[in-house]
Structures are given as C-alpha cells and as structure tokens.
Amino acid sequence: IGSFPNAAAFFITYENVKSLLPHG
C-alpha cells in the first residue's frame, strides 16, 4: 500500500527541487 505513494513523493520532490537549483 505504501510503496507507490512513498516513492512517487520522493521523486516528484527530487526532480522538482533539482530543476529549481543550479545543476549540470
């Protein structure tokens, strides 16, 4: 029950924060 929302929450936060910060 917990796997999908848990992993989805992590990656959507990870990718969005990464896109807002300097990277490359």
mmCIF file of all heavy atoms, coordinates in Angstrom:
data_MODEL
# 
_entry.id   MODEL 
# 
loop_
_atom_site.group_PDB 
_atom_site.id 
_atom_site.type_symbol 
_atom_site.label_atom_id 
_atom_site.label_alt_id 
_atom_site.label_comp_id 
_atom_site.label_asym_id 
_atom_site.label_entity_id 
_atom_site.label_seq_id 
_atom_site.pdbx_PDB_ins_code 
_atom_site.Cartn_x 
_atom_site.Cartn_y 
_atom_site.Cartn_z 
_atom_site.occupancy 
_atom_site.B_iso_or_equiv 
_atom_site.pdbx_formal_charge 
_atom_site.auth_seq_id 
_atom_site.auth_comp_id 
_atom_site.auth_asym_id 
_atom_site.auth_atom_id 
_atom_site.pdbx_PDB_model_num 
ATOM 1   N N   . ILE A 1 1  ? 0.828  -1.216 0.000   1.00 0.00 ? 1  ILE A N   1 
ATOM 2   C CA  . ILE A 1 1  ? 0.000  0.000  0.000   1.00 0.00 ? 1  ILE A CA  1 
ATOM 3   C C   . ILE A 1 1  ? 0.861  1.264  0.000   1.00 0.00 ? 1  ILE A C   1 
ATOM 4   O O   . ILE A 1 1  ? 0.560  2.248  -0.676  1.00 0.00 ? 1  ILE A O   1 
ATOM 5   C CB  . ILE A 1 1  ? -0.952 0.000  1.214   1.00 0.00 ? 1  ILE A CB  1 
ATOM 6   C CG1 . ILE A 1 1  ? -1.989 -1.123 1.067   1.00 0.00 ? 1  ILE A CG1 1 
ATOM 7   C CG2 . ILE A 1 1  ? -1.641 1.353  1.376   1.00 0.00 ? 1  ILE A CG2 1 
ATOM 8   C CD1 . ILE A 1 1  ? -2.781 -1.412 2.327   1.00 0.00 ? 1  ILE A CD1 1 
ATOM 9   N N   . GLY A 1 2  ? 1.970  1.241  0.765   1.00 0.00 ? 2  GLY A N   1 
ATOM 10  C CA  . GLY A 1 2  ? 2.763  2.445  0.940   1.00 0.00 ? 2  GLY A CA  1 
ATOM 11  C C   . GLY A 1 2  ? 3.812  2.716  -0.121  1.00 0.00 ? 2  GLY A C   1 
ATOM 12  O O   . GLY A 1 2  ? 4.265  3.860  -0.281  1.00 0.00 ? 2  GLY A O   1 
ATOM 13  N N   . SER A 1 3  ? 4.223  1.681  -0.877  1.00 0.00 ? 3  SER A N   1 
ATOM 14  C CA  . SER A 1 3  ? 5.355  1.820  -1.800  1.00 0.00 ? 3  SER A CA  1 
ATOM 15  C C   . SER A 1 3  ? 5.157  2.872  -2.876  1.00 0.00 ? 3  SER A C   1 
ATOM 16  O O   . SER A 1 3  ? 6.028  3.721  -3.097  1.00 0.00 ? 3  SER A O   1 
ATOM 17  C CB  . SER A 1 3  ? 5.653  0.479  -2.482  1.00 0.00 ? 3  SER A CB  1 
ATOM 18  O OG  . SER A 1 3  ? 6.302  -0.379 -1.607  1.00 0.00 ? 3  SER A OG  1 
ATOM 19  N N   . PHE A 1 4  ? 4.037  2.806  -3.587  1.00 0.00 ? 4  PHE A N   1 
ATOM 20  C CA  . PHE A 1 4  ? 3.827  3.714  -4.727  1.00 0.00 ? 4  PHE A CA  1 
ATOM 21  C C   . PHE A 1 4  ? 3.811  5.177  -4.290  1.00 0.00 ? 4  PHE A C   1 
ATOM 22  O O   . PHE A 1 4  ? 4.594  5.987  -4.818  1.00 0.00 ? 4  PHE A O   1 
ATOM 23  C CB  . PHE A 1 4  ? 2.558  3.353  -5.497  1.00 0.00 ? 4  PHE A CB  1 
ATOM 24  C CG  . PHE A 1 4  ? 2.411  4.103  -6.792  1.00 0.00 ? 4  PHE A CG  1 
ATOM 25  C CD1 . PHE A 1 4  ? 2.774  3.511  -7.993  1.00 0.00 ? 4  PHE A CD1 1 
ATOM 26  C CD2 . PHE A 1 4  ? 1.930  5.411  -6.826  1.00 0.00 ? 4  PHE A CD2 1 
ATOM 27  C CE1 . PHE A 1 4  ? 2.667  4.201  -9.197  1.00 0.00 ? 4  PHE A CE1 1 
ATOM 28  C CE2 . PHE A 1 4  ? 1.814  6.116  -8.020  1.00 0.00 ? 4  PHE A CE2 1 
ATOM 29  C CZ  . PHE A 1 4  ? 2.178  5.502  -9.209  1.00 0.00 ? 4  PHE A CZ  1 
ATOM 30  N N   . PRO A 1 5  ? 2.941  5.567  -3.331  1.00 0.00 ? 5  PRO A N   1 
ATOM 31  C CA  . PRO A 1 5  ? 2.927  6.992  -2.945  1.00 0.00 ? 5  PRO A CA  1 
ATOM 32  C C   . PRO A 1 5  ? 4.229  7.456  -2.314  1.00 0.00 ? 5  PRO A C   1 
ATOM 33  O O   . PRO A 1 5  ? 4.636  8.606  -2.511  1.00 0.00 ? 5  PRO A O   1 
ATOM 34  C CB  . PRO A 1 5  ? 1.760  7.084  -1.955  1.00 0.00 ? 5  PRO A CB  1 
ATOM 35  C CG  . PRO A 1 5  ? 1.503  5.693  -1.502  1.00 0.00 ? 5  PRO A CG  1 
ATOM 36  C CD  . PRO A 1 5  ? 1.892  4.803  -2.635  1.00 0.00 ? 5  PRO A CD  1 
ATOM 37  N N   . ASN A 1 6  ? 4.904  6.565  -1.580  1.00 0.00 ? 6  ASN A N   1 
ATOM 38  C CA  . ASN A 1 6  ? 6.166  6.923  -0.940  1.00 0.00 ? 6  ASN A CA  1 
ATOM 39  C C   . ASN A 1 6  ? 7.239  7.253  -1.976  1.00 0.00 ? 6  ASN A C   1 
ATOM 40  O O   . ASN A 1 6  ? 7.862  8.317  -1.946  1.00 0.00 ? 6  ASN A O   1 
ATOM 41  C CB  . ASN A 1 6  ? 6.604  5.753  -0.040  1.00 0.00 ? 6  ASN A CB  1 
ATOM 42  C CG  . ASN A 1 6  ? 8.071  5.804  0.317   1.00 0.00 ? 6  ASN A CG  1 
ATOM 43  O OD1 . ASN A 1 6  ? 8.622  6.857  0.611   1.00 0.00 ? 6  ASN A OD1 1 
ATOM 44  N ND2 . ASN A 1 6  ? 8.724  4.658  0.279   1.00 0.00 ? 6  ASN A ND2 1 
ATOM 45  N N   . ALA A 1 7  ? 7.455  6.342  -2.928  1.00 0.00 ? 7  ALA A N   1 
ATOM 46  C CA  . ALA A 1 7  ? 8.482  6.557  -3.951  1.00 0.00 ? 7  ALA A CA  1 
ATOM 47  C C   . ALA A 1 7  ? 8.107  7.698  -4.887  1.00 0.00 ? 7  ALA A C   1 
ATOM 48  O O   . ALA A 1 7  ? 8.965  8.475  -5.320  1.00 0.00 ? 7  ALA A O   1 
ATOM 49  C CB  . ALA A 1 7  ? 8.713  5.267  -4.744  1.00 0.00 ? 7  ALA A CB  1 
ATOM 50  N N   . ALA A 1 8  ? 6.813  7.805  -5.213  1.00 0.00 ? 8  ALA A N   1 
ATOM 51  C CA  . ALA A 1 8  ? 6.352  8.880  -6.088  1.00 0.00 ? 8  ALA A CA  1 
ATOM 52  C C   . ALA A 1 8  ? 6.590  10.242 -5.435  1.00 0.00 ? 8  ALA A C   1 
ATOM 53  O O   . ALA A 1 8  ? 7.041  11.194 -6.086  1.00 0.00 ? 8  ALA A O   1 
ATOM 54  C CB  . ALA A 1 8  ? 4.867  8.698  -6.405  1.00 0.00 ? 8  ALA A CB  1 
ATOM 55  N N   . ALA A 1 9  ? 6.298  10.340 -4.126  1.00 0.00 ? 9  ALA A N   1 
ATOM 56  C CA  . ALA A 1 9  ? 6.506  11.599 -3.400  1.00 0.00 ? 9  ALA A CA  1 
ATOM 57  C C   . ALA A 1 9  ? 7.980  11.985 -3.400  1.00 0.00 ? 9  ALA A C   1 
ATOM 58  O O   . ALA A 1 9  ? 8.329  13.159 -3.571  1.00 0.00 ? 9  ALA A O   1 
ATOM 59  C CB  . ALA A 1 9  ? 5.997  11.467 -1.968  1.00 0.00 ? 9  ALA A CB  1 
ATOM 60  N N   . PHE A 1 10 ? 8.856  10.973 -3.217  1.00 0.00 ? 10 PHE A N   1 
ATOM 61  C CA  . PHE A 1 10 ? 10.285 11.273 -3.206  1.00 0.00 ? 10 PHE A CA  1 
ATOM 62  C C   . PHE A 1 10 ? 10.729 11.824 -4.557  1.00 0.00 ? 10 PHE A C   1 
ATOM 63  O O   . PHE A 1 10 ? 11.364 12.878 -4.632  1.00 0.00 ? 10 PHE A O   1 
ATOM 64  C CB  . PHE A 1 10 ? 11.122 10.026 -2.877  1.00 0.00 ? 10 PHE A CB  1 
ATOM 65  C CG  . PHE A 1 10 ? 12.599 10.276 -3.064  1.00 0.00 ? 10 PHE A CG  1 
ATOM 66  C CD1 . PHE A 1 10 ? 13.333 10.910 -2.073  1.00 0.00 ? 10 PHE A CD1 1 
ATOM 67  C CD2 . PHE A 1 10 ? 13.243 9.950  -4.248  1.00 0.00 ? 10 PHE A CD2 1 
ATOM 68  C CE1 . PHE A 1 10 ? 14.676 11.189 -2.241  1.00 0.00 ? 10 PHE A CE1 1 
ATOM 69  C CE2 . PHE A 1 10 ? 14.587 10.223 -4.443  1.00 0.00 ? 10 PHE A CE2 1 
ATOM 70  C CZ  . PHE A 1 10 ? 15.308 10.842 -3.432  1.00 0.00 ? 10 PHE A CZ  1 
ATOM 71  N N   . PHE A 1 11 ? 10.407 11.121 -5.647  1.00 0.00 ? 11 PHE A N   1 
ATOM 72  C CA  . PHE A 1 11 ? 10.957 11.504 -6.944  1.00 0.00 ? 11 PHE A CA  1 
ATOM 73  C C   . PHE A 1 11 ? 10.350 12.776 -7.504  1.00 0.00 ? 11 PHE A C   1 
ATOM 74  O O   . PHE A 1 11 ? 11.041 13.556 -8.167  1.00 0.00 ? 11 PHE A O   1 
ATOM 75  C CB  . PHE A 1 11 ? 10.829 10.355 -7.957  1.00 0.00 ? 11 PHE A CB  1 
ATOM 76  C CG  . PHE A 1 11 ? 12.031 9.457  -7.946  1.00 0.00 ? 11 PHE A CG  1 
ATOM 77  C CD1 . PHE A 1 11 ? 11.948 8.169  -7.464  1.00 0.00 ? 11 PHE A CD1 1 
ATOM 78  C CD2 . PHE A 1 11 ? 13.256 9.911  -8.394  1.00 0.00 ? 11 PHE A CD2 1 
ATOM 79  C CE1 . PHE A 1 11 ? 13.067 7.343  -7.439  1.00 0.00 ? 11 PHE A CE1 1 
ATOM 80  C CE2 . PHE A 1 11 ? 14.381 9.102  -8.379  1.00 0.00 ? 11 PHE A CE2 1 
ATOM 81  C CZ  . PHE A 1 11 ? 14.278 7.814  -7.895  1.00 0.00 ? 11 PHE A CZ  1 
ATOM 82  N N   . ILE A 1 12 ? 9.079  13.044 -7.234  1.00 0.00 ? 12 ILE A N   1 
ATOM 83  C CA  . ILE A 1 12 ? 8.500  14.287 -7.748  1.00 0.00 ? 12 ILE A CA  1 
ATOM 84  C C   . ILE A 1 12 ? 9.123  15.480 -7.010  1.00 0.00 ? 12 ILE A C   1 
ATOM 85  O O   . ILE A 1 12 ? 9.373  16.539 -7.604  1.00 0.00 ? 12 ILE A O   1 
ATOM 86  C CB  . ILE A 1 12 ? 6.951  14.294 -7.654  1.00 0.00 ? 12 ILE A CB  1 
ATOM 87  C CG1 . ILE A 1 12 ? 6.390  15.397 -8.556  1.00 0.00 ? 12 ILE A CG1 1 
ATOM 88  C CG2 . ILE A 1 12 ? 6.461  14.449 -6.230  1.00 0.00 ? 12 ILE A CG2 1 
ATOM 89  C CD1 . ILE A 1 12 ? 4.906  15.323 -8.788  1.00 0.00 ? 12 ILE A CD1 1 
ATOM 90  N N   . THR A 1 13 ? 9.419  15.305 -5.702  1.00 0.00 ? 13 THR A N   1 
ATOM 91  C CA  . THR A 1 13 ? 10.111 16.359 -4.953  1.00 0.00 ? 13 THR A CA  1 
ATOM 92  C C   . THR A 1 13 ? 11.549 16.501 -5.436  1.00 0.00 ? 13 THR A C   1 
ATOM 93  O O   . THR A 1 13 ? 12.036 17.614 -5.678  1.00 0.00 ? 13 THR A O   1 
ATOM 94  C CB  . THR A 1 13 ? 10.096 16.045 -3.442  1.00 0.00 ? 13 THR A CB  1 
ATOM 95  O OG1 . THR A 1 13 ? 8.754  15.822 -3.015  1.00 0.00 ? 13 THR A OG1 1 
ATOM 96  C CG2 . THR A 1 13 ? 10.703 17.190 -2.637  1.00 0.00 ? 13 THR A CG2 1 
ATOM 97  N N   . TYR A 1 14 ? 12.228 15.368 -5.593  1.00 0.00 ? 14 TYR A N   1 
ATOM 98  C CA  . TYR A 1 14 ? 13.639 15.354 -6.018  1.00 0.00 ? 14 TYR A CA  1 
ATOM 99  C C   . TYR A 1 14 ? 13.807 16.048 -7.368  1.00 0.00 ? 14 TYR A C   1 
ATOM 100 O O   . TYR A 1 14 ? 14.662 16.927 -7.538  1.00 0.00 ? 14 TYR A O   1 
ATOM 101 C CB  . TYR A 1 14 ? 14.110 13.900 -6.100  1.00 0.00 ? 14 TYR A CB  1 
ATOM 102 C CG  . TYR A 1 14 ? 15.538 13.719 -6.596  1.00 0.00 ? 14 TYR A CG  1 
ATOM 103 C CD1 . TYR A 1 14 ? 16.628 14.060 -5.802  1.00 0.00 ? 14 TYR A CD1 1 
ATOM 104 C CD2 . TYR A 1 14 ? 15.796 13.182 -7.857  1.00 0.00 ? 14 TYR A CD2 1 
ATOM 105 C CE1 . TYR A 1 14 ? 17.930 13.877 -6.245  1.00 0.00 ? 14 TYR A CE1 1 
ATOM 106 C CE2 . TYR A 1 14 ? 17.096 12.998 -8.310  1.00 0.00 ? 14 TYR A CE2 1 
ATOM 107 C CZ  . TYR A 1 14 ? 18.154 13.346 -7.498  1.00 0.00 ? 14 TYR A CZ  1 
ATOM 108 O OH  . TYR A 1 14 ? 19.435 13.164 -7.950  1.00 0.00 ? 14 TYR A OH  1 
ATOM 109 N N   . GLU A 1 15 ? 12.988 15.676 -8.349  1.00 0.00 ? 15 GLU A N   1 
ATOM 110 C CA  . GLU A 1 15 ? 13.130 16.236 -9.699  1.00 0.00 ? 15 GLU A CA  1 
ATOM 111 C C   . GLU A 1 15 ? 12.747 17.711 -9.742  1.00 0.00 ? 15 GLU A C   1 
ATOM 112 O O   . GLU A 1 15 ? 13.383 18.510 -10.431 1.00 0.00 ? 15 GLU A O   1 
ATOM 113 C CB  . GLU A 1 15 ? 12.281 15.441 -10.700 1.00 0.00 ? 15 GLU A CB  1 
ATOM 114 C CG  . GLU A 1 15 ? 12.731 13.996 -10.909 1.00 0.00 ? 15 GLU A CG  1 
ATOM 115 C CD  . GLU A 1 15 ? 14.071 13.878 -11.640 1.00 0.00 ? 15 GLU A CD  1 
ATOM 116 O OE1 . GLU A 1 15 ? 14.616 14.897 -12.097 1.00 0.00 ? 15 GLU A OE1 1 
ATOM 117 O OE2 . GLU A 1 15 ? 14.582 12.753 -11.746 1.00 0.00 ? 15 GLU A OE2 1 
ATOM 118 N N   . ASN A 1 16 ? 11.697 18.093 -8.990  1.00 0.00 ? 16 ASN A N   1 
ATOM 119 C CA  . ASN A 1 16 ? 11.279 19.498 -8.987  1.00 0.00 ? 16 ASN A CA  1 
ATOM 120 C C   . ASN A 1 16 ? 12.306 20.392 -8.307  1.00 0.00 ? 16 ASN A C   1 
ATOM 121 O O   . ASN A 1 16 ? 12.631 21.473 -8.817  1.00 0.00 ? 16 ASN A O   1 
ATOM 122 C CB  . ASN A 1 16 ? 9.914  19.642 -8.297  1.00 0.00 ? 16 ASN A CB  1 
ATOM 123 C CG  . ASN A 1 16 ? 8.759  19.421 -9.257  1.00 0.00 ? 16 ASN A CG  1 
ATOM 124 O OD1 . ASN A 1 16 ? 8.460  20.256 -10.105 1.00 0.00 ? 16 ASN A OD1 1 
ATOM 125 N ND2 . ASN A 1 16 ? 8.110  18.271 -9.140  1.00 0.00 ? 16 ASN A ND2 1 
ATOM 126 N N   . VAL A 1 17 ? 12.841 19.956 -7.167  1.00 0.00 ? 17 VAL A N   1 
ATOM 127 C CA  . VAL A 1 17 ? 13.858 20.750 -6.476  1.00 0.00 ? 17 VAL A CA  1 
ATOM 128 C C   . VAL A 1 17 ? 15.111 20.840 -7.334  1.00 0.00 ? 17 VAL A C   1 
ATOM 129 O O   . VAL A 1 17 ? 15.726 21.912 -7.456  1.00 0.00 ? 17 VAL A O   1 
ATOM 130 C CB  . VAL A 1 17 ? 14.181 20.144 -5.088  1.00 0.00 ? 17 VAL A CB  1 
ATOM 131 C CG1 . VAL A 1 17 ? 15.375 20.851 -4.445  1.00 0.00 ? 17 VAL A CG1 1 
ATOM 132 C CG2 . VAL A 1 17 ? 12.964 20.247 -4.172  1.00 0.00 ? 17 VAL A CG2 1 
ATOM 133 N N   . LYS A 1 18 ? 15.493 19.725 -7.967  1.00 0.00 ? 18 LYS A N   1 
ATOM 134 C CA  . LYS A 1 18 ? 16.681 19.698 -8.822  1.00 0.00 ? 18 LYS A CA  1 
ATOM 135 C C   . LYS A 1 18 ? 16.547 20.679 -9.987  1.00 0.00 ? 18 LYS A C   1 
ATOM 136 O O   . LYS A 1 18 ? 17.504 21.340 -10.379 1.00 0.00 ? 18 LYS A O   1 
ATOM 137 C CB  . LYS A 1 18 ? 16.898 18.275 -9.358  1.00 0.00 ? 18 LYS A CB  1 
ATOM 138 C CG  . LYS A 1 18 ? 18.323 17.980 -9.779  1.00 0.00 ? 18 LYS A CG  1 
ATOM 139 C CD  . LYS A 1 18 ? 18.544 16.483 -10.011 1.00 0.00 ? 18 LYS A CD  1 
ATOM 140 C CE  . LYS A 1 18 ? 17.809 15.989 -11.228 1.00 0.00 ? 18 LYS A CE  1 
ATOM 141 N NZ  . LYS A 1 18 ? 18.272 14.644 -11.644 1.00 0.00 ? 18 LYS A NZ  1 
ATOM 142 N N   . SER A 1 19 ? 15.319 20.799 -10.518 1.00 0.00 ? 19 SER A N   1 
ATOM 143 C CA  . SER A 1 19 ? 15.104 21.706 -11.650 1.00 0.00 ? 19 SER A CA  1 
ATOM 144 C C   . SER A 1 19 ? 15.147 23.173 -11.234 1.00 0.00 ? 19 SER A C   1 
ATOM 145 O O   . SER A 1 19 ? 15.413 24.053 -12.059 1.00 0.00 ? 19 SER A O   1 
ATOM 146 C CB  . SER A 1 19 ? 13.757 21.401 -12.318 1.00 0.00 ? 19 SER A CB  1 
ATOM 147 O OG  . SER A 1 19 ? 12.674 21.780 -11.488 1.00 0.00 ? 19 SER A OG  1 
ATOM 148 N N   . LEU A 1 20 ? 14.894 23.445 -9.954  1.00 0.00 ? 20 LEU A N   1 
ATOM 149 C CA  . LEU A 1 20 ? 14.890 24.830 -9.458  1.00 0.00 ? 20 LEU A CA  1 
ATOM 150 C C   . LEU A 1 20 ? 16.275 25.316 -9.040  1.00 0.00 ? 20 LEU A C   1 
ATOM 151 O O   . LEU A 1 20 ? 16.521 26.514 -8.962  1.00 0.00 ? 20 LEU A O   1 
ATOM 152 C CB  . LEU A 1 20 ? 13.940 24.955 -8.261  1.00 0.00 ? 20 LEU A CB  1 
ATOM 153 C CG  . LEU A 1 20 ? 12.447 24.740 -8.545  1.00 0.00 ? 20 LEU A CG  1 
ATOM 154 C CD1 . LEU A 1 20 ? 11.668 24.710 -7.238  1.00 0.00 ? 20 LEU A CD1 1 
ATOM 155 C CD2 . LEU A 1 20 ? 11.912 25.833 -9.464  1.00 0.00 ? 20 LEU A CD2 1 
ATOM 156 N N   . LEU A 1 21 ? 17.172 24.364 -8.763  1.00 0.00 ? 21 LEU A N   1 
ATOM 157 C CA  . LEU A 1 21 ? 18.508 24.713 -8.276  1.00 0.00 ? 21 LEU A CA  1 
ATOM 158 C C   . LEU A 1 21 ? 19.537 24.643 -9.399  1.00 0.00 ? 21 LEU A C   1 
ATOM 159 O O   . LEU A 1 21 ? 19.318 23.963 -10.402 1.00 0.00 ? 21 LEU A O   1 
ATOM 160 C CB  . LEU A 1 21 ? 18.918 23.751 -7.151  1.00 0.00 ? 21 LEU A CB  1 
ATOM 161 C CG  . LEU A 1 21 ? 18.064 23.816 -5.881  1.00 0.00 ? 21 LEU A CG  1 
ATOM 162 C CD1 . LEU A 1 21 ? 18.463 22.696 -4.932  1.00 0.00 ? 21 LEU A CD1 1 
ATOM 163 C CD2 . LEU A 1 21 ? 18.207 25.163 -5.182  1.00 0.00 ? 21 LEU A CD2 1 
ATOM 164 N N   . PRO A 1 22 ? 20.684 25.342 -9.264  1.00 0.00 ? 22 PRO A N   1 
ATOM 165 C CA  . PRO A 1 22 ? 21.741 25.257 -10.288 1.00 0.00 ? 22 PRO A CA  1 
ATOM 166 C C   . PRO A 1 22 ? 22.234 23.820 -10.417 1.00 0.00 ? 22 PRO A C   1 
ATOM 167 O O   . PRO A 1 22 ? 22.479 23.155 -9.418  1.00 0.00 ? 22 PRO A O   1 
ATOM 168 C CB  . PRO A 1 22 ? 22.861 26.152 -9.732  1.00 0.00 ? 22 PRO A CB  1 
ATOM 169 C CG  . PRO A 1 22 ? 22.212 26.993 -8.698  1.00 0.00 ? 22 PRO A CG  1 
ATOM 170 C CD  . PRO A 1 22 ? 21.069 26.212 -8.153  1.00 0.00 ? 22 PRO A CD  1 
ATOM 171 N N   . HIS A 1 23 ? 22.320 23.327 -11.649 1.00 0.00 ? 23 HIS A N   1 
ATOM 172 C CA  . HIS A 1 23 ? 22.804 21.975 -11.862 1.00 0.00 ? 23 HIS A CA  1 
ATOM 173 C C   . HIS A 1 23 ? 23.435 21.866 -13.245 1.00 0.00 ? 23 HIS A C   1 
ATOM 174 O O   . HIS A 1 23 ? 23.390 22.780 -14.040 1.00 0.00 ? 23 HIS A O   1 
ATOM 175 C CB  . HIS A 1 23 ? 21.677 20.949 -11.717 1.00 0.00 ? 23 HIS A CB  1 
ATOM 176 C CG  . HIS A 1 23 ? 20.595 21.080 -12.744 1.00 0.00 ? 23 HIS A CG  1 
ATOM 177 N ND1 . HIS A 1 23 ? 19.680 22.114 -12.723 1.00 0.00 ? 23 HIS A ND1 1 
ATOM 178 C CD2 . HIS A 1 23 ? 20.306 20.318 -13.833 1.00 0.00 ? 23 HIS A CD2 1 
ATOM 179 C CE1 . HIS A 1 23 ? 18.861 21.973 -13.756 1.00 0.00 ? 23 HIS A CE1 1 
ATOM 180 N NE2 . HIS A 1 23 ? 19.218 20.900 -14.437 1.00 0.00 ? 23 HIS A NE2 1 
ATOM 181 N N   . GLY A 1 24 ? 23.996 20.717 -13.521 1.00 0.00 ? 24 GLY A N   1 
ATOM 182 C CA  . GLY A 1 24 ? 24.684 20.491 -14.795 1.00 0.00 ? 24 GLY A CA  1 
ATOM 183 C C   . GLY A 1 24 ? 26.002 19.801 -14.541 1.00 0.00 ? 24 GLY A C   1 
ATOM 184 O O   . GLY A 1 24 ? 26.635 20.030 -13.514 1.00 0.00 ? 24 GLY A O   1 
# 
